[in-house]
Amino acid sequence: MFRIIQHRNKCIGCNACVEAARHRWRISRKDGKSVLVGGADKRGVFSVRVSDEEYAENMQAAKNCPVGIIQIIRLG
């Protein structure tokens, strides 16, 4: 298991995360920023726990982010 953390307020809406992991990321029609699908919001910081099956593609999403707002943390 691991946790994905996104600092959404700093997102520039470049779509790099969506291209890497389409089922976990999408672009909001309201403000053009990325949305962490299934993420819970806590003061503009979104997070979600996911299985190891999603690790590689979400790690790529984090690496692709030009502003470095995505963190991947392995749990346990």
PDB file of N, CA and C in Angstrom:
ATOM      1  N   MET A   1       0.839  -1.189   0.000  1.00  0.00           N
ATOM      2  CA  MET A   1       0.000   0.000   0.000  1.00  0.00           C
ATOM      3  C   MET A   1       0.881   1.249   0.000  1.00  0.00           C
ATOM      4  N   PHE A   2       0.343   2.301  -0.561  1.00  0.00           N
ATOM      5  CA  PHE A   2       1.033   3.578  -0.505  1.00  0.00           C
ATOM      6  C   PHE A   2       0.010   4.706  -0.531  1.00  0.00           C
ATOM      7  N   ARG A   3       0.476   5.890  -0.227  1.00  0.00           N
ATOM      8  CA  ARG A   3      -0.380   7.068  -0.188  1.00  0.00           C
ATOM      9  C   ARG A   3       0.101   8.059  -1.240  1.00  0.00           C
ATOM     10  N   ILE A   4      -0.869   8.626  -1.961  1.00  0.00           N
ATOM     11  CA  ILE A   4      -0.585   9.709  -2.895  1.00  0.00           C
ATOM     12  C   ILE A   4      -1.043  10.993  -2.220  1.00  0.00           C
ATOM     13  N   ILE A   5      -0.183  11.996  -2.231  1.00  0.00           N
ATOM     14  CA  ILE A   5      -0.510  13.301  -1.655  1.00  0.00           C
ATOM     15  C   ILE A   5      -0.342  14.352  -2.735  1.00  0.00           C
ATOM     16  N   GLN A   6      -1.320  15.238  -2.848  1.00  0.00           N
ATOM     17  CA  GLN A   6      -1.293  16.305  -3.852  1.00  0.00           C
ATOM     18  C   GLN A   6      -1.583  17.645  -3.184  1.00  0.00           C
ATOM     19  N   HIS A   7      -0.728  18.615  -3.444  1.00  0.00           N
ATOM     20  CA  HIS A   7      -0.941  19.993  -2.984  1.00  0.00           C
ATOM     21  C   HIS A   7      -1.649  20.733  -4.120  1.00  0.00           C
ATOM     22  N   ARG A   8      -2.961  20.562  -4.187  1.00  0.00           N
ATOM     23  CA  ARG A   8      -3.746  20.989  -5.343  1.00  0.00           C
ATOM     24  C   ARG A   8      -3.696  22.482  -5.608  1.00  0.00           C
ATOM     25  N   ASN A   9      -3.615  23.303  -4.570  1.00  0.00           N
ATOM     26  CA  ASN A   9      -3.626  24.751  -4.780  1.00  0.00           C
ATOM     27  C   ASN A   9      -2.426  25.238  -5.580  1.00  0.00           C
ATOM     28  N   LYS A  10      -1.367  24.437  -5.660  1.00  0.00           N
ATOM     29  CA  LYS A  10      -0.167  24.803  -6.416  1.00  0.00           C
ATOM     30  C   LYS A  10      -0.162  24.215  -7.830  1.00  0.00           C
ATOM     31  N   CYS A  11      -1.210  23.481  -8.193  1.00  0.00           N
ATOM     32  CA  CYS A  11      -1.300  22.843  -9.504  1.00  0.00           C
ATOM     33  C   CYS A  11      -1.411  23.890 -10.609  1.00  0.00           C
ATOM     34  N   ILE A  12      -0.711  23.639 -11.729  1.00  0.00           N
ATOM     35  CA  ILE A  12      -0.786  24.541 -12.875  1.00  0.00           C
ATOM     36  C   ILE A  12      -1.628  23.954 -14.009  1.00  0.00           C
ATOM     37  N   GLY A  13      -2.170  22.778 -13.820  1.00  0.00           N
ATOM     38  CA  GLY A  13      -3.068  22.168 -14.800  1.00  0.00           C
ATOM     39  C   GLY A  13      -2.398  21.730 -16.090  1.00  0.00           C
ATOM     40  N   CYS A  14      -1.185  21.233 -16.006  1.00  0.00           N
ATOM     41  CA  CYS A  14      -0.425  20.863 -17.208  1.00  0.00           C
ATOM     42  C   CYS A  14      -0.850  19.526 -17.808  1.00  0.00           C
ATOM     43  N   ASN A  15      -1.569  18.688 -17.061  1.00  0.00           N
ATOM     44  CA  ASN A  15      -2.096  17.406 -17.528  1.00  0.00           C
ATOM     45  C   ASN A  15      -1.080  16.260 -17.476  1.00  0.00           C
ATOM     46  N   ALA A  16       0.119  16.488 -16.987  1.00  0.00           N
ATOM     47  CA  ALA A  16       1.158  15.448 -16.971  1.00  0.00           C
ATOM     48  C   ALA A  16       0.752  14.249 -16.114  1.00  0.00           C
ATOM     49  N   CYS A  17       0.090  14.480 -14.997  1.00  0.00           N
ATOM     50  CA  CYS A  17      -0.338  13.384 -14.127  1.00  0.00           C
ATOM     51  C   CYS A  17      -1.419  12.546 -14.797  1.00  0.00           C
ATOM     52  N   VAL A  18      -2.323  13.201 -15.499  1.00  0.00           N
ATOM     53  CA  VAL A  18      -3.397  12.495 -16.185  1.00  0.00           C
ATOM     54  C   VAL A  18      -2.825  11.583 -17.267  1.00  0.00           C
ATOM     55  N   GLU A  19      -1.832  12.055 -17.978  1.00  0.00           N
ATOM     56  CA  GLU A  19      -1.214  11.261 -19.036  1.00  0.00           C
ATOM     57  C   GLU A  19      -0.521  10.015 -18.472  1.00  0.00           C
ATOM     58  N   ALA A  20       0.002  10.106 -17.268  1.00  0.00           N
ATOM     59  CA  ALA A  20       0.703   8.973 -16.654  1.00  0.00           C
ATOM     60  C   ALA A  20      -0.249   7.969 -16.001  1.00  0.00           C
ATOM     61  N   ALA A  21      -1.325   8.454 -15.394  1.00  0.00           N
ATOM     62  CA  ALA A  21      -2.241   7.576 -14.640  1.00  0.00           C
ATOM     63  C   ALA A  21      -3.678   8.063 -14.804  1.00  0.00           C
ATOM     64  N   ARG A  22      -4.266   7.778 -15.933  1.00  0.00           N
ATOM     65  CA  ARG A  22      -5.606   8.297 -16.279  1.00  0.00           C
ATOM     66  C   ARG A  22      -6.710   7.913 -15.302  1.00  0.00           C
ATOM     67  N   HIS A  23      -6.651   6.748 -14.700  1.00  0.00           N
ATOM     68  CA  HIS A  23      -7.737   6.339 -13.799  1.00  0.00           C
ATOM     69  C   HIS A  23      -7.633   6.994 -12.416  1.00  0.00           C
ATOM     70  N   ARG A  24      -6.473   7.587 -12.069  1.00  0.00           N
ATOM     71  CA  ARG A  24      -6.296   8.196 -10.756  1.00  0.00           C
ATOM     72  C   ARG A  24      -6.325   9.728 -10.803  1.00  0.00           C
ATOM     73  N   TRP A  25      -6.150  10.309 -12.010  1.00  0.00           N
ATOM     74  CA  TRP A  25      -6.088  11.764 -12.152  1.00  0.00           C
ATOM     75  C   TRP A  25      -7.018  12.229 -13.264  1.00  0.00           C
ATOM     76  N   ARG A  26      -7.582  13.412 -13.083  1.00  0.00           N
ATOM     77  CA  ARG A  26      -8.354  14.053 -14.151  1.00  0.00           C
ATOM     78  C   ARG A  26      -8.220  15.564 -13.991  1.00  0.00           C
ATOM     79  N   ILE A  27      -8.589  16.287 -15.020  1.00  0.00           N
ATOM     80  CA  ILE A  27      -8.536  17.746 -14.976  1.00  0.00           C
ATOM     81  C   ILE A  27      -9.934  18.278 -14.701  1.00  0.00           C
ATOM     82  N   SER A  28     -10.047  19.178 -13.736  1.00  0.00           N
ATOM     83  CA  SER A  28     -11.325  19.764 -13.365  1.00  0.00           C
ATOM     84  C   SER A  28     -11.814  20.734 -14.440  1.00  0.00           C
ATOM     85  N   ARG A  29     -13.071  20.651 -14.766  1.00  0.00           N
ATOM     86  CA  ARG A  29     -13.669  21.597 -15.712  1.00  0.00           C
ATOM     87  C   ARG A  29     -13.885  22.957 -15.061  1.00  0.00           C
ATOM     88  N   LYS A  30     -13.972  22.993 -13.735  1.00  0.00           N
ATOM     89  CA  LYS A  30     -14.209  24.254 -13.017  1.00  0.00           C
ATOM     90  C   LYS A  30     -12.999  25.168 -13.026  1.00  0.00           C
ATOM     91  N   ASP A  31     -11.820  24.621 -12.684  1.00  0.00           N
ATOM     92  CA  ASP A  31     -10.655  25.502 -12.546  1.00  0.00           C
ATOM     93  C   ASP A  31      -9.434  25.064 -13.349  1.00  0.00           C
ATOM     94  N   GLY A  32      -9.532  23.950 -14.080  1.00  0.00           N
ATOM     95  CA  GLY A  32      -8.438  23.510 -14.935  1.00  0.00           C
ATOM     96  C   GLY A  32      -7.276  22.856 -14.203  1.00  0.00           C
ATOM     97  N   LYS A  33      -7.429  22.595 -12.916  1.00  0.00           N
ATOM     98  CA  LYS A  33      -6.380  21.946 -12.128  1.00  0.00           C
ATOM     99  C   LYS A  33      -6.650  20.447 -12.055  1.00  0.00           C
ATOM    100  N   SER A  34      -5.611  19.684 -11.749  1.00  0.00           N
ATOM    101  CA  SER A  34      -5.792  18.236 -11.651  1.00  0.00           C
ATOM    102  C   SER A  34      -6.525  17.865 -10.363  1.00  0.00           C
ATOM    103  N   VAL A  35      -7.257  16.768 -10.463  1.00  0.00           N
ATOM    104  CA  VAL A  35      -8.023  16.229  -9.346  1.00  0.00           C
ATOM    105  C   VAL A  35      -7.517  14.831  -9.062  1.00  0.00           C
ATOM    106  N   LEU A  36      -7.191  14.555  -7.818  1.00  0.00           N
ATOM    107  CA  LEU A  36      -6.793  13.221  -7.376  1.00  0.00           C
ATOM    108  C   LEU A  36      -8.071  12.423  -7.132  1.00  0.00           C
ATOM    109  N   VAL A  37      -8.385  11.514  -8.038  1.00  0.00           N
ATOM    110  CA  VAL A  37      -9.624  10.738  -7.960  1.00  0.00           C
ATOM    111  C   VAL A  37      -9.625   9.900  -6.688  1.00  0.00           C
ATOM    112  N   GLY A  38     -10.663  10.072  -5.872  1.00  0.00           N
ATOM    113  CA  GLY A  38     -10.794   9.349  -4.620  1.00  0.00           C
ATOM    114  C   GLY A  38     -10.097  10.027  -3.454  1.00  0.00           C
ATOM    115  N   GLY A  39      -9.441  11.145  -3.713  1.00  0.00           N
ATOM    116  CA  GLY A  39      -8.684  11.851  -2.684  1.00  0.00           C
ATOM    117  C   GLY A  39      -9.564  12.605  -1.705  1.00  0.00           C
ATOM    118  N   ALA A  40      -9.154  12.625  -0.456  1.00  0.00           N
ATOM    119  CA  ALA A  40      -9.837  13.382   0.589  1.00  0.00           C
ATOM    120  C   ALA A  40      -9.100  14.703   0.786  1.00  0.00           C
ATOM    121  N   ASP A  41      -9.865  15.781   0.895  1.00  0.00           N
ATOM    122  CA  ASP A  41      -9.310  17.128   1.025  1.00  0.00           C
ATOM    123  C   ASP A  41      -9.125  17.513   2.484  1.00  0.00           C
ATOM    124  N   LYS A  42      -7.938  18.032   2.779  1.00  0.00           N
ATOM    125  CA  LYS A  42      -7.672  18.591   4.094  1.00  0.00           C
ATOM    126  C   LYS A  42      -6.887  19.878   3.871  1.00  0.00           C
ATOM    127  N   ARG A  43      -7.606  20.991   3.838  1.00  0.00           N
ATOM    128  CA  ARG A  43      -7.022  22.321   3.622  1.00  0.00           C
ATOM    129  C   ARG A  43      -6.230  22.433   2.319  1.00  0.00           C
ATOM    130  N   GLY A  44      -6.786  21.913   1.243  1.00  0.00           N
ATOM    131  CA  GLY A  44      -6.136  22.017  -0.056  1.00  0.00           C
ATOM    132  C   GLY A  44      -5.114  20.952  -0.347  1.00  0.00           C
ATOM    133  N   VAL A  45      -4.892  20.056   0.607  1.00  0.00           N
ATOM    134  CA  VAL A  45      -3.984  18.925   0.393  1.00  0.00           C
ATOM    135  C   VAL A  45      -4.850  17.674   0.295  1.00  0.00           C
ATOM    136  N   PHE A  46      -4.767  17.007  -0.848  1.00  0.00           N
ATOM    137  CA  PHE A  46      -5.576  15.826  -1.091  1.00  0.00           C
ATOM    138  C   PHE A  46      -4.715  14.585  -0.920  1.00  0.00           C
ATOM    139  N   SER A  47      -5.309  13.517  -0.392  1.00  0.00           N
ATOM    140  CA  SER A  47      -4.566  12.267  -0.245  1.00  0.00           C
ATOM    141  C   SER A  47      -5.499  11.079  -0.384  1.00  0.00           C
ATOM    142  N   VAL A  48      -4.897   9.966  -0.811  1.00  0.00           N
ATOM    143  CA  VAL A  48      -5.648   8.727  -0.961  1.00  0.00           C
ATOM    144  C   VAL A  48      -4.678   7.561  -0.794  1.00  0.00           C
ATOM    145  N   ARG A  49      -5.166   6.484  -0.182  1.00  0.00           N
ATOM    146  CA  ARG A  49      -4.391   5.240  -0.068  1.00  0.00           C
ATOM    147  C   ARG A  49      -4.750   4.369  -1.258  1.00  0.00           C
ATOM    148  N   VAL A  50      -3.737   3.776  -1.878  1.00  0.00           N
ATOM    149  CA  VAL A  50      -3.976   2.908  -3.027  1.00  0.00           C
ATOM    150  C   VAL A  50      -3.091   1.675  -2.957  1.00  0.00           C
ATOM    151  N   SER A  51      -3.439   0.686  -3.759  1.00  0.00           N
ATOM    152  CA  SER A  51      -2.690  -0.577  -3.758  1.00  0.00           C
ATOM    153  C   SER A  51      -1.385  -0.447  -4.536  1.00  0.00           C
ATOM    154  N   ASP A  52      -0.518  -1.418  -4.327  1.00  0.00           N
ATOM    155  CA  ASP A  52       0.777  -1.439  -5.001  1.00  0.00           C
ATOM    156  C   ASP A  52       0.649  -1.525  -6.521  1.00  0.00           C
ATOM    157  N   GLU A  53      -0.474  -2.004  -7.008  1.00  0.00           N
ATOM    158  CA  GLU A  53      -0.695  -2.128  -8.450  1.00  0.00           C
ATOM    159  C   GLU A  53      -0.629  -0.777  -9.157  1.00  0.00           C
ATOM    160  N   GLU A  54      -0.923   0.296  -8.445  1.00  0.00           N
ATOM    161  CA  GLU A  54      -0.926   1.633  -9.037  1.00  0.00           C
ATOM    162  C   GLU A  54       0.394   2.379  -8.818  1.00  0.00           C
ATOM    163  N   TYR A  55       1.332   1.743  -8.143  1.00  0.00           N
ATOM    164  CA  TYR A  55       2.561   2.436  -7.747  1.00  0.00           C
ATOM    165  C   TYR A  55       3.345   3.008  -8.932  1.00  0.00           C
ATOM    166  N   ALA A  56       3.661   2.205  -9.912  1.00  0.00           N
ATOM    167  CA  ALA A  56       4.538   2.624 -11.012  1.00  0.00           C
ATOM    168  C   ALA A  56       3.975   3.808 -11.786  1.00  0.00           C
ATOM    169  N   GLU A  57       2.709   3.742 -12.143  1.00  0.00           N
ATOM    170  CA  GLU A  57       2.147   4.823 -12.945  1.00  0.00           C
ATOM    171  C   GLU A  57       1.994   6.113 -12.150  1.00  0.00           C
ATOM    172  N   ASN A  58       1.693   6.006 -10.870  1.00  0.00           N
ATOM    173  CA  ASN A  58       1.578   7.219 -10.066  1.00  0.00           C
ATOM    174  C   ASN A  58       2.944   7.793  -9.692  1.00  0.00           C
ATOM    175  N   MET A  59       3.940   6.949  -9.591  1.00  0.00           N
ATOM    176  CA  MET A  59       5.301   7.451  -9.404  1.00  0.00           C
ATOM    177  C   MET A  59       5.720   8.239 -10.646  1.00  0.00           C
ATOM    178  N   GLN A  60       5.328   7.743 -11.807  1.00  0.00           N
ATOM    179  CA  GLN A  60       5.618   8.462 -13.049  1.00  0.00           C
ATOM    180  C   GLN A  60       4.863   9.795 -13.081  1.00  0.00           C
ATOM    181  N   ALA A  61       3.629   9.809 -12.600  1.00  0.00           N
ATOM    182  CA  ALA A  61       2.859  11.054 -12.530  1.00  0.00           C
ATOM    183  C   ALA A  61       3.580  12.068 -11.647  1.00  0.00           C
ATOM    184  N   ALA A  62       4.106  11.612 -10.519  1.00  0.00           N
ATOM    185  CA  ALA A  62       4.834  12.501  -9.613  1.00  0.00           C
ATOM    186  C   ALA A  62       6.100  13.034 -10.275  1.00  0.00           C
ATOM    187  N   LYS A  63       6.815  12.174 -10.979  1.00  0.00           N
ATOM    188  CA  LYS A  63       8.043  12.596 -11.665  1.00  0.00           C
ATOM    189  C   LYS A  63       7.749  13.568 -12.802  1.00  0.00           C
ATOM    190  N   ASN A  64       6.619  13.374 -13.476  1.00  0.00           N
ATOM    191  CA  ASN A  64       6.247  14.236 -14.605  1.00  0.00           C
ATOM    192  C   ASN A  64       5.777  15.615 -14.176  1.00  0.00           C
ATOM    193  N   CYS A  65       5.337  15.773 -12.939  1.00  0.00           N
ATOM    194  CA  CYS A  65       4.778  17.043 -12.467  1.00  0.00           C
ATOM    195  C   CYS A  65       5.864  18.127 -12.449  1.00  0.00           C
ATOM    196  N   PRO A  66       5.708  19.172 -13.265  1.00  0.00           N
ATOM    197  CA  PRO A  66       6.748  20.200 -13.342  1.00  0.00           C
ATOM    198  C   PRO A  66       6.855  21.078 -12.102  1.00  0.00           C
ATOM    199  N   VAL A  67       5.819  21.103 -11.272  1.00  0.00           N
ATOM    200  CA  VAL A  67       5.862  21.928 -10.064  1.00  0.00           C
ATOM    201  C   VAL A  67       6.035  21.101  -8.787  1.00  0.00           C
ATOM    202  N   GLY A  68       6.166  19.782  -8.921  1.00  0.00           N
ATOM    203  CA  GLY A  68       6.481  18.912  -7.791  1.00  0.00           C
ATOM    204  C   GLY A  68       5.457  18.882  -6.674  1.00  0.00           C
ATOM    205  N   ILE A  69       4.172  18.858  -7.035  1.00  0.00           N
ATOM    206  CA  ILE A  69       3.129  18.901  -6.004  1.00  0.00           C
ATOM    207  C   ILE A  69       2.571  17.528  -5.641  1.00  0.00           C
ATOM    208  N   ILE A  70       3.119  16.463  -6.230  1.00  0.00           N
ATOM    209  CA  ILE A  70       2.641  15.099  -5.971  1.00  0.00           C
ATOM    210  C   ILE A  70       3.718  14.339  -5.206  1.00  0.00           C
ATOM    211  N   GLN A  71       3.309  13.735  -4.095  1.00  0.00           N
ATOM    212  CA  GLN A  71       4.216  12.905  -3.298  1.00  0.00           C
ATOM    213  C   GLN A  71       3.665  11.489  -3.254  1.00  0.00           C
ATOM    214  N   ILE A  72       4.574  10.522  -3.298  1.00  0.00           N
ATOM    215  CA  ILE A  72       4.203   9.112  -3.170  1.00  0.00           C
ATOM    216  C   ILE A  72       4.931   8.583  -1.937  1.00  0.00           C
ATOM    217  N   ILE A  73       4.147   8.045  -0.990  1.00  0.00           N
ATOM    218  CA  ILE A  73       4.705   7.539   0.252  1.00  0.00           C
ATOM    219  C   ILE A  73       4.306   6.081   0.425  1.00  0.00           C
ATOM    220  N   ARG A  74       5.298   5.211   0.537  1.00  0.00           N
ATOM    221  CA  ARG A  74       5.026   3.797   0.762  1.00  0.00           C
ATOM    222  C   ARG A  74       4.633   3.607   2.225  1.00  0.00           C
ATOM    223  N   LEU A  75       3.572   2.838   2.444  1.00  0.00           N
ATOM    224  CA  LEU A  75       3.073   2.584   3.792  1.00  0.00           C
ATOM    225  C   LEU A  75       3.498   1.195   4.242  1.00  0.00           C
ATOM    226  N   GLY A  76       3.881   1.088   5.494  1.00  0.00           N
ATOM    227  CA  GLY A  76       4.214  -0.190   6.093  1.00  0.00           C
ATOM    228  C   GLY A  76       5.420  -0.782   5.571  1.00  0.00           C
TER     229      GLY A  76
END
